[in-house]
N, C-alpha and C. Protein backbone atom coordinates (compact mmCIF):
# COMPACT_ATOMS: atom_id res chain seq x y z
N MET A 1 -101.51 36.53 100.68
CA MET A 1 -101.59 36.28 102.58
C MET A 1 -102.98 35.52 102.00
N ARG A 2 -102.51 35.20 103.68
CA ARG A 2 -103.91 33.87 104.29
C ARG A 2 -105.19 34.74 104.65
N SER A 3 -105.81 33.24 104.59
CA SER A 3 -106.60 34.14 105.82
C SER A 3 -107.76 33.68 106.32
N TYR A 4 -108.58 33.65 106.91
CA TYR A 4 -109.39 32.96 108.18
C TYR A 4 -110.96 32.39 106.93
N SER A 5 -110.94 31.06 107.68
CA SER A 5 -112.25 30.75 106.16
C SER A 5 -113.92 31.59 106.19
N ASP A 6 -113.71 31.71 107.52
CA ASP A 6 -115.54 32.96 107.58
C ASP A 6 -115.14 34.10 107.30
N PRO A 7 -115.96 34.83 106.87
CA PRO A 7 -116.05 36.01 105.81
C PRO A 7 -116.12 37.29 107.38
N LEU A 8 -115.86 38.51 107.37
CA LEU A 8 -116.34 39.72 108.75
C LEU A 8 -118.28 39.39 108.91
N ASP A 9 -118.07 39.43 109.85
CA ASP A 9 -119.56 39.61 109.81
C ASP A 9 -120.05 40.44 109.52
N THR A 10 -121.43 40.17 109.49
CA THR A 10 -122.61 41.42 108.89
C THR A 10 -122.47 42.70 109.83
N VAL A 11 -121.94 42.21 111.23
CA VAL A 11 -122.86 43.43 111.72
C VAL A 11 -121.55 44.03 111.29
N ALA A 12 -120.03 44.18 111.71
CA ALA A 12 -119.29 44.53 111.86
C ALA A 12 -118.22 45.19 110.06
N LEU A 13 -119.36 44.64 109.13
CA LEU A 13 -119.25 45.29 108.05
C LEU A 13 -120.52 46.85 108.65
N ARG A 14 -121.91 46.15 107.78
CA ARG A 14 -121.97 47.10 108.43
C ARG A 14 -122.07 48.81 108.86
N PHE A 15 -121.59 48.25 110.21
CA PHE A 15 -120.64 49.69 111.74
C PHE A 15 -120.13 50.05 110.93
N GLY A 16 -118.78 49.72 110.16
CA GLY A 16 -117.56 49.79 109.34
C GLY A 16 -117.94 50.99 108.36
N TYR A 17 -119.16 50.16 107.50
CA TYR A 17 -120.04 51.31 106.22
C TYR A 17 -119.87 52.69 106.67
N ALA A 18 -120.37 52.33 108.47
CA ALA A 18 -121.16 53.32 108.85
C ALA A 18 -120.79 54.49 109.09
N GLY A 19 -119.19 53.85 109.19
CA GLY A 19 -118.48 54.70 109.07
C GLY A 19 -117.40 56.20 108.08
N LEU A 20 -118.09 55.97 107.10
CA LEU A 20 -117.87 57.05 106.31
C LEU A 20 -119.15 57.95 106.11
N LEU A 21 -120.33 57.72 107.22
CA LEU A 21 -121.53 58.61 107.49
C LEU A 21 -121.14 59.86 107.55
N PRO A 22 -120.27 60.18 109.06
CA PRO A 22 -119.50 61.63 109.29
C PRO A 22 -119.46 62.48 108.75
N PRO A 23 -117.81 61.66 108.13
CA PRO A 23 -117.20 63.03 106.29
C PRO A 23 -118.70 62.90 105.56
N ILE A 24 -120.05 62.50 105.24
CA ILE A 24 -120.88 62.53 104.04
C ILE A 24 -121.38 64.08 104.97
N VAL A 25 -121.37 63.48 105.73
CA VAL A 25 -122.47 64.55 107.09
C VAL A 25 -121.65 66.16 106.94
N PHE A 26 -120.47 65.69 107.05
CA PHE A 26 -119.28 67.18 106.86
C PHE A 26 -120.26 67.66 105.52
N LEU A 27 -119.13 66.78 103.91
CA LEU A 27 -119.07 67.71 103.77
C LEU A 27 -120.75 68.22 103.02
N CYS A 28 -122.47 67.17 103.06
CA CYS A 28 -123.48 67.79 103.18
C CYS A 28 -123.32 69.58 103.32
N ILE A 29 -123.26 69.48 104.77
CA ILE A 29 -123.26 71.12 105.72
C ILE A 29 -122.25 71.67 104.97
N VAL A 30 -121.20 71.64 104.53
CA VAL A 30 -120.56 72.33 104.76
C VAL A 30 -120.99 73.19 102.75
N PHE A 31 -121.82 71.95 102.10
CA PHE A 31 -121.90 72.88 100.85
C PHE A 31 -123.86 73.39 100.88
N SER A 32 -124.51 73.12 102.10
CA SER A 32 -125.88 73.61 102.52
C SER A 32 -125.27 75.02 103.47
N ASP A 33 -124.36 74.74 103.55
CA ASP A 33 -123.91 76.17 104.44
C ASP A 33 -122.59 77.40 105.36
N PRO A 34 -121.37 77.09 104.25
CA PRO A 34 -120.83 77.31 103.90
C PRO A 34 -120.28 78.56 105.41
N THR A 35 -120.91 78.87 105.59
CA THR A 35 -120.79 79.57 106.90
C THR A 35 -119.89 78.68 107.94
N GLN A 36 -120.48 77.89 107.70
CA GLN A 36 -120.02 76.63 109.21
C GLN A 36 -118.86 76.17 108.77
N ARG A 37 -118.00 76.15 107.64
CA ARG A 37 -116.68 75.70 107.09
C ARG A 37 -115.86 75.89 108.01
N TRP A 38 -115.20 76.16 109.17
CA TRP A 38 -114.21 76.47 109.88
C TRP A 38 -114.09 74.90 111.03
N ILE A 39 -115.83 75.24 111.37
CA ILE A 39 -116.42 73.93 112.60
C ILE A 39 -116.09 72.50 111.97
N ILE A 40 -116.38 72.96 110.80
CA ILE A 40 -116.51 71.23 109.80
C ILE A 40 -114.97 71.01 109.20
N LEU A 41 -114.33 71.55 108.85
CA LEU A 41 -113.24 71.80 108.94
C LEU A 41 -112.16 70.94 110.07
N ALA A 42 -112.32 71.10 111.79
CA ALA A 42 -112.27 70.87 112.28
C ALA A 42 -112.38 69.47 112.44
N ALA A 43 -114.40 69.38 112.51
CA ALA A 43 -114.62 67.85 112.89
C ALA A 43 -113.66 67.44 111.72
N GLY A 44 -113.97 67.58 110.29
CA GLY A 44 -113.52 67.03 109.37
C GLY A 44 -112.20 66.21 110.00
N PHE A 45 -110.65 67.10 110.03
CA PHE A 45 -109.76 66.52 110.48
C PHE A 45 -110.25 66.05 112.12
N GLY A 46 -110.45 65.88 113.18
CA GLY A 46 -110.62 65.39 114.57
C GLY A 46 -110.96 64.30 113.86
N TYR A 47 -112.21 63.43 113.00
CA TYR A 47 -112.68 62.96 113.19
C TYR A 47 -111.46 61.51 111.73
N ALA A 48 -111.11 61.80 110.94
CA ALA A 48 -110.16 61.16 109.90
C ALA A 48 -108.69 61.19 110.98
N ALA A 49 -108.17 61.72 112.14
CA ALA A 49 -107.56 61.90 112.96
C ALA A 49 -107.73 60.93 113.88
N PHE A 50 -109.10 60.47 114.20
CA PHE A 50 -109.54 59.53 115.47
C PHE A 50 -109.43 58.51 114.89
N ILE A 51 -110.00 58.40 113.49
CA ILE A 51 -109.53 56.79 112.75
C ILE A 51 -108.36 56.50 112.21
N PHE A 52 -107.59 57.13 112.18
CA PHE A 52 -106.45 56.49 111.63
C PHE A 52 -105.55 56.37 113.16
N SER A 53 -105.43 56.63 114.15
CA SER A 53 -105.01 56.30 115.71
C SER A 53 -106.40 55.41 115.72
N PHE A 54 -107.09 54.66 115.70
CA PHE A 54 -107.78 53.78 116.02
C PHE A 54 -107.26 52.61 115.24
N LEU A 55 -106.67 53.12 113.50
CA LEU A 55 -105.96 51.81 113.38
C LEU A 55 -104.54 51.65 113.38
N GLY A 56 -104.58 52.40 114.24
CA GLY A 56 -103.20 51.67 114.95
C GLY A 56 -103.84 50.99 116.06
N GLY A 57 -104.88 50.89 116.73
CA GLY A 57 -105.61 50.42 117.34
C GLY A 57 -105.72 48.81 117.34
N VAL A 58 -105.60 49.15 115.58
CA VAL A 58 -106.01 47.44 114.87
C VAL A 58 -105.15 47.29 114.86
N TRP A 59 -104.18 47.68 114.65
CA TRP A 59 -103.41 46.60 114.47
C TRP A 59 -102.20 45.49 115.51
N TRP A 60 -102.28 47.01 116.93
CA TRP A 60 -101.84 46.36 118.03
C TRP A 60 -102.93 45.48 118.07
N GLY A 61 -104.14 45.30 118.27
CA GLY A 61 -105.30 44.07 118.31
C GLY A 61 -104.38 43.24 117.96
N LEU A 62 -104.41 42.80 116.18
CA LEU A 62 -104.01 42.18 115.40
C LEU A 62 -102.11 41.59 115.79
N ALA A 63 -101.30 42.31 115.98
CA ALA A 63 -99.77 42.53 116.02
C ALA A 63 -100.46 41.03 117.49
N MET A 64 -100.98 41.33 118.48
CA MET A 64 -101.45 40.73 120.09
C MET A 64 -101.31 39.18 119.47
N THR A 65 -102.55 39.10 117.98
CA THR A 65 -102.98 37.85 118.18
C THR A 65 -101.88 36.69 117.18
N ILE A 66 -100.88 37.30 117.36
CA ILE A 66 -99.75 36.88 116.22
C ILE A 66 -98.38 36.45 116.97
N PRO A 67 -98.20 34.85 117.35
CA PRO A 67 -97.63 34.40 119.08
C PRO A 67 -96.28 35.29 118.37
N THR A 68 -95.66 35.52 117.23
CA THR A 68 -94.32 35.83 116.78
C THR A 68 -94.53 37.15 116.05
N ALA A 69 -95.14 38.47 116.51
CA ALA A 69 -95.17 39.17 115.50
C ALA A 69 -94.09 40.05 115.56
N PRO A 70 -93.79 40.02 113.13
CA PRO A 70 -92.25 41.20 113.29
C PRO A 70 -92.39 42.58 114.22
N PRO A 71 -91.42 42.55 115.11
CA PRO A 71 -90.92 43.65 115.50
C PRO A 71 -91.43 45.46 114.95
N TRP A 72 -92.29 45.30 114.27
CA TRP A 72 -91.70 46.64 112.84
C TRP A 72 -93.50 46.74 113.37
N ILE A 73 -94.78 45.99 113.78
CA ILE A 73 -96.04 45.84 112.93
C ILE A 73 -96.11 46.57 114.79
N TRP A 74 -95.13 46.57 116.15
CA TRP A 74 -95.37 47.08 116.97
C TRP A 74 -95.15 48.65 117.05
N LEU A 75 -94.22 49.54 116.13
CA LEU A 75 -93.31 50.33 115.88
C LEU A 75 -95.04 50.99 115.29
N VAL A 76 -95.32 50.26 113.74
CA VAL A 76 -96.91 50.79 113.54
C VAL A 76 -97.85 50.83 113.70
N ALA A 77 -97.81 50.13 114.71
CA ALA A 77 -99.51 50.17 115.58
C ALA A 77 -99.39 51.33 116.40
N VAL A 78 -98.65 52.13 116.54
CA VAL A 78 -97.93 53.07 117.57
C VAL A 78 -98.03 54.78 117.14
N SER A 79 -98.02 54.57 115.42
CA SER A 79 -97.32 55.44 115.12
C SER A 79 -99.27 56.77 114.75
N PRO A 80 -100.09 55.66 114.36
CA PRO A 80 -100.76 56.51 113.74
C PRO A 80 -101.08 57.82 115.02
N SER A 81 -100.65 57.16 115.57
CA SER A 81 -101.60 58.87 116.89
C SER A 81 -100.19 59.31 117.23
N LEU A 82 -99.07 59.39 117.25
CA LEU A 82 -98.40 60.66 117.18
C LEU A 82 -98.36 61.08 116.23
N ILE A 83 -98.62 60.52 114.93
CA ILE A 83 -98.97 60.91 113.26
C ILE A 83 -99.98 62.16 113.29
N ALA A 84 -101.04 61.47 113.84
CA ALA A 84 -102.44 62.22 114.49
C ALA A 84 -101.62 63.62 115.19
N LEU A 85 -101.74 63.45 116.26
CA LEU A 85 -100.95 64.61 117.55
C LEU A 85 -100.19 65.98 115.88
N ALA A 86 -99.09 64.98 115.68
CA ALA A 86 -98.09 65.86 114.95
C ALA A 86 -98.35 67.21 114.40
N LEU A 87 -99.97 66.24 113.56
CA LEU A 87 -100.31 66.75 112.07
C LEU A 87 -101.68 67.82 113.03
N PHE A 88 -101.89 67.55 114.29
CA PHE A 88 -103.12 68.71 114.48
C PHE A 88 -101.80 69.70 115.28
N LEU A 89 -101.01 69.50 115.19
CA LEU A 89 -99.31 70.75 116.26
C LEU A 89 -100.12 72.52 115.30
N PRO A 90 -99.44 71.95 114.61
CA PRO A 90 -99.73 73.23 113.15
C PRO A 90 -101.19 74.22 113.74
N TRP A 91 -102.39 74.03 113.98
CA TRP A 91 -103.76 74.53 114.56
C TRP A 91 -102.82 75.06 115.36
N THR A 92 -102.12 74.13 116.64
CA THR A 92 -102.93 74.83 118.05
C THR A 92 -101.61 76.04 117.73
N PHE A 93 -101.00 76.28 117.30
CA PHE A 93 -99.61 77.74 117.26
C PHE A 93 -99.52 78.41 116.09
N GLY A 94 -101.16 78.24 115.77
CA GLY A 94 -101.94 78.93 114.73
C GLY A 94 -101.61 79.13 113.48
N TRP A 95 -100.54 78.01 113.32
CA TRP A 95 -100.02 78.02 111.48
C TRP A 95 -100.52 78.20 110.36
N GLU A 96 -100.61 77.41 108.81
CA GLU A 96 -101.62 77.58 108.41
C GLU A 96 -102.11 75.73 108.58
N TRP A 97 -103.62 75.67 108.78
CA TRP A 97 -104.69 74.14 108.54
C TRP A 97 -105.84 74.78 108.53
N PRO A 98 -106.66 74.05 107.45
CA PRO A 98 -106.27 73.09 108.39
C PRO A 98 -105.86 72.13 107.13
N GLY A 99 -105.65 72.60 105.65
CA GLY A 99 -105.55 72.54 104.36
C GLY A 99 -105.11 71.08 104.17
N PRO A 100 -103.36 71.84 104.40
CA PRO A 100 -102.11 70.67 103.95
C PRO A 100 -102.11 69.38 105.44
N ALA A 101 -103.02 69.92 106.45
CA ALA A 101 -102.18 68.48 107.55
C ALA A 101 -103.64 67.31 107.30
N MET A 102 -104.75 68.27 106.56
CA MET A 102 -105.54 67.00 106.30
C MET A 102 -105.45 66.31 104.91
N LEU A 103 -104.80 66.91 103.99
CA LEU A 103 -103.82 66.47 102.74
C LEU A 103 -102.86 65.44 103.28
N MET A 104 -101.84 65.58 104.21
CA MET A 104 -101.16 64.54 104.80
C MET A 104 -102.27 63.25 104.34
N LEU A 105 -103.36 64.09 105.62
CA LEU A 105 -103.48 62.81 106.77
C LEU A 105 -104.26 61.59 105.74
N ALA A 106 -105.24 62.39 104.58
CA ALA A 106 -105.83 61.26 103.86
C ALA A 106 -105.16 60.76 103.13
N VAL A 107 -103.99 61.66 102.61
CA VAL A 107 -102.87 60.77 101.96
C VAL A 107 -102.57 58.73 103.21
N LEU A 108 -102.03 59.38 104.24
CA LEU A 108 -101.59 58.64 105.40
C LEU A 108 -102.92 57.47 105.31
N ILE A 109 -104.01 57.78 105.40
CA ILE A 109 -105.27 56.88 105.76
C ILE A 109 -105.00 56.00 104.48
N LEU A 110 -104.82 56.95 103.12
CA LEU A 110 -104.91 56.04 101.56
C LEU A 110 -104.22 54.24 101.66
N PHE A 111 -103.28 54.67 102.24
CA PHE A 111 -102.24 53.89 102.05
C PHE A 111 -102.52 52.82 103.03
N SER A 112 -102.53 53.25 104.57
CA SER A 112 -103.04 52.80 105.10
C SER A 112 -103.59 50.72 104.76
N PRO A 113 -104.22 50.75 103.98
CA PRO A 113 -104.43 49.10 103.46
C PRO A 113 -103.21 48.06 103.19
N LEU A 114 -102.09 49.14 103.39
CA LEU A 114 -100.64 48.34 102.89
C LEU A 114 -100.32 48.09 104.15
N VAL A 115 -100.81 48.31 105.53
CA VAL A 115 -100.42 47.71 106.63
C VAL A 115 -100.37 46.71 107.42
N ASP A 116 -102.08 46.34 106.40
CA ASP A 116 -103.49 45.19 107.31
C ASP A 116 -102.56 43.95 106.26
N ARG A 117 -102.27 44.50 104.49
CA ARG A 117 -101.40 43.76 103.36
C ARG A 117 -100.35 43.22 104.44
N ALA A 118 -100.16 43.65 105.08
CA ALA A 118 -98.62 43.16 105.37
C ALA A 118 -98.62 42.50 107.07
N ILE A 119 -99.99 42.80 107.46
CA ILE A 119 -99.42 42.85 108.62
C ILE A 119 -99.99 40.50 108.66
N GLY A 120 -101.13 40.47 106.94
CA GLY A 120 -101.84 39.02 106.63
C GLY A 120 -101.29 38.46 106.22
N ALA A 121 -99.79 39.56 105.90
CA ALA A 121 -98.56 38.08 105.36
C ALA A 121 -98.21 37.87 106.43
N ALA A 122 -98.24 37.82 107.28
CA ALA A 122 -97.25 37.56 109.13
C ALA A 122 -98.72 36.39 109.92
N ALA A 123 -100.44 36.31 109.78
CA ALA A 123 -100.97 35.85 110.00
C ALA A 123 -102.60 35.80 108.83
N PRO A 124 -103.05 35.31 109.77
CA PRO A 124 -104.40 34.62 108.81
C PRO A 124 -105.17 36.07 109.04
N LEU A 125 -105.76 36.36 108.29
CA LEU A 125 -107.24 37.56 108.18
C LEU A 125 -108.71 36.98 108.15
N PRO A 126 -109.61 37.91 108.79
CA PRO A 126 -110.76 37.40 108.43
C PRO A 126 -110.87 37.74 106.59
N ARG A 127 -111.87 36.58 105.76
CA ARG A 127 -111.76 36.91 104.25
C ARG A 127 -112.66 38.37 104.60
N GLY A 128 -112.10 39.08 102.99
CA GLY A 128 -113.14 39.88 103.26
C GLY A 128 -112.69 41.64 103.66
N TRP A 129 -111.80 41.22 105.49
CA TRP A 129 -110.81 42.26 105.42
C TRP A 129 -110.45 43.27 104.83
N MET A 130 -109.28 42.83 104.03
CA MET A 130 -109.34 43.51 102.89
C MET A 130 -109.40 44.74 101.97
N ARG A 131 -110.67 44.23 101.43
CA ARG A 131 -111.97 44.58 100.78
C ARG A 131 -112.73 45.43 101.83
N LEU A 132 -112.64 45.69 102.92
CA LEU A 132 -113.74 46.23 103.61
C LEU A 132 -112.63 47.68 104.16
N ARG A 133 -111.33 46.96 104.50
CA ARG A 133 -110.49 48.17 105.08
C ARG A 133 -110.00 48.58 103.60
N LEU A 134 -109.72 48.66 101.98
CA LEU A 134 -109.61 49.44 101.10
C LEU A 134 -110.74 50.05 100.95
N TYR A 135 -111.69 49.86 100.64
CA TYR A 135 -113.04 51.07 100.69
C TYR A 135 -113.32 52.00 101.51
N LEU A 136 -112.95 50.87 102.97
CA LEU A 136 -112.91 52.70 104.10
C LEU A 136 -112.36 53.85 103.55
N SER A 137 -111.09 53.22 103.75
CA SER A 137 -109.75 54.02 103.10
C SER A 137 -110.46 54.93 102.94
N VAL A 138 -110.32 54.47 101.09
CA VAL A 138 -110.38 55.74 99.66
C VAL A 138 -111.58 57.01 99.94
N GLY A 139 -112.93 55.86 100.89
CA GLY A 139 -114.28 56.86 101.21
C GLY A 139 -113.83 58.09 102.35
N LEU A 140 -113.08 57.04 103.65
CA LEU A 140 -112.40 58.67 104.24
C LEU A 140 -111.27 59.31 103.50
N ALA A 141 -110.45 58.95 102.69
CA ALA A 141 -109.29 59.67 101.87
C ALA A 141 -110.31 60.89 101.22
N LEU A 142 -111.06 60.19 100.61
CA LEU A 142 -111.41 61.08 99.52
C LEU A 142 -112.53 61.96 100.22
N SER A 143 -112.97 62.03 100.80
CA SER A 143 -114.17 63.30 101.33
C SER A 143 -113.08 64.30 102.73
N THR A 144 -112.48 63.74 103.10
CA THR A 144 -110.99 64.29 104.24
C THR A 144 -110.35 65.14 102.89
N VAL A 145 -110.18 65.04 101.40
CA VAL A 145 -109.17 65.21 100.76
C VAL A 145 -110.50 66.82 100.04
N LEU A 146 -111.37 66.42 99.87
CA LEU A 146 -112.84 67.07 99.30
C LEU A 146 -113.13 68.85 100.71
N LEU A 147 -113.03 68.31 102.02
CA LEU A 147 -113.40 69.08 103.48
C LEU A 147 -112.11 70.10 102.96
N SER A 148 -111.37 69.25 102.57
CA SER A 148 -109.75 69.82 102.46
C SER A 148 -109.71 71.21 102.23
N ARG A 149 -110.32 70.91 100.62
CA ARG A 149 -110.34 72.23 99.57
C ARG A 149 -111.23 73.39 98.99
N LEU A 150 -111.82 72.78 100.40
CA LEU A 150 -113.55 73.54 100.35
C LEU A 150 -113.04 74.72 101.42
């Protein structure tokens, strides 16, 4: 995988890691006030789904910087928002939710850095990108699993 010579900007790193604060707050709320469980589960699912959709936008943006982007990148880039919507539908129909959907979302987030790695084979990524993506994905996936099990 090729990388830029410049590392990620510190502002990008700080805001990236700040993205783990909402799920940490959600977990703290559930542990301190279990009566808020369903509200926090909905917030936790929503946040994870938003971030997963955001990743699709990031991949789309990366693909736009590759003059000869492989066609699979475009498909992968639009998939997260469609998958997040599909995972939300059981709740709207009153089926079992949120546990199974949250677990599936957590697994997808956990493995999402594999897409970044594949994109990195086609175009250079900033130095430190993969480390940031890995840490953020593991953190969000684990917190989503924890929330789904409470």
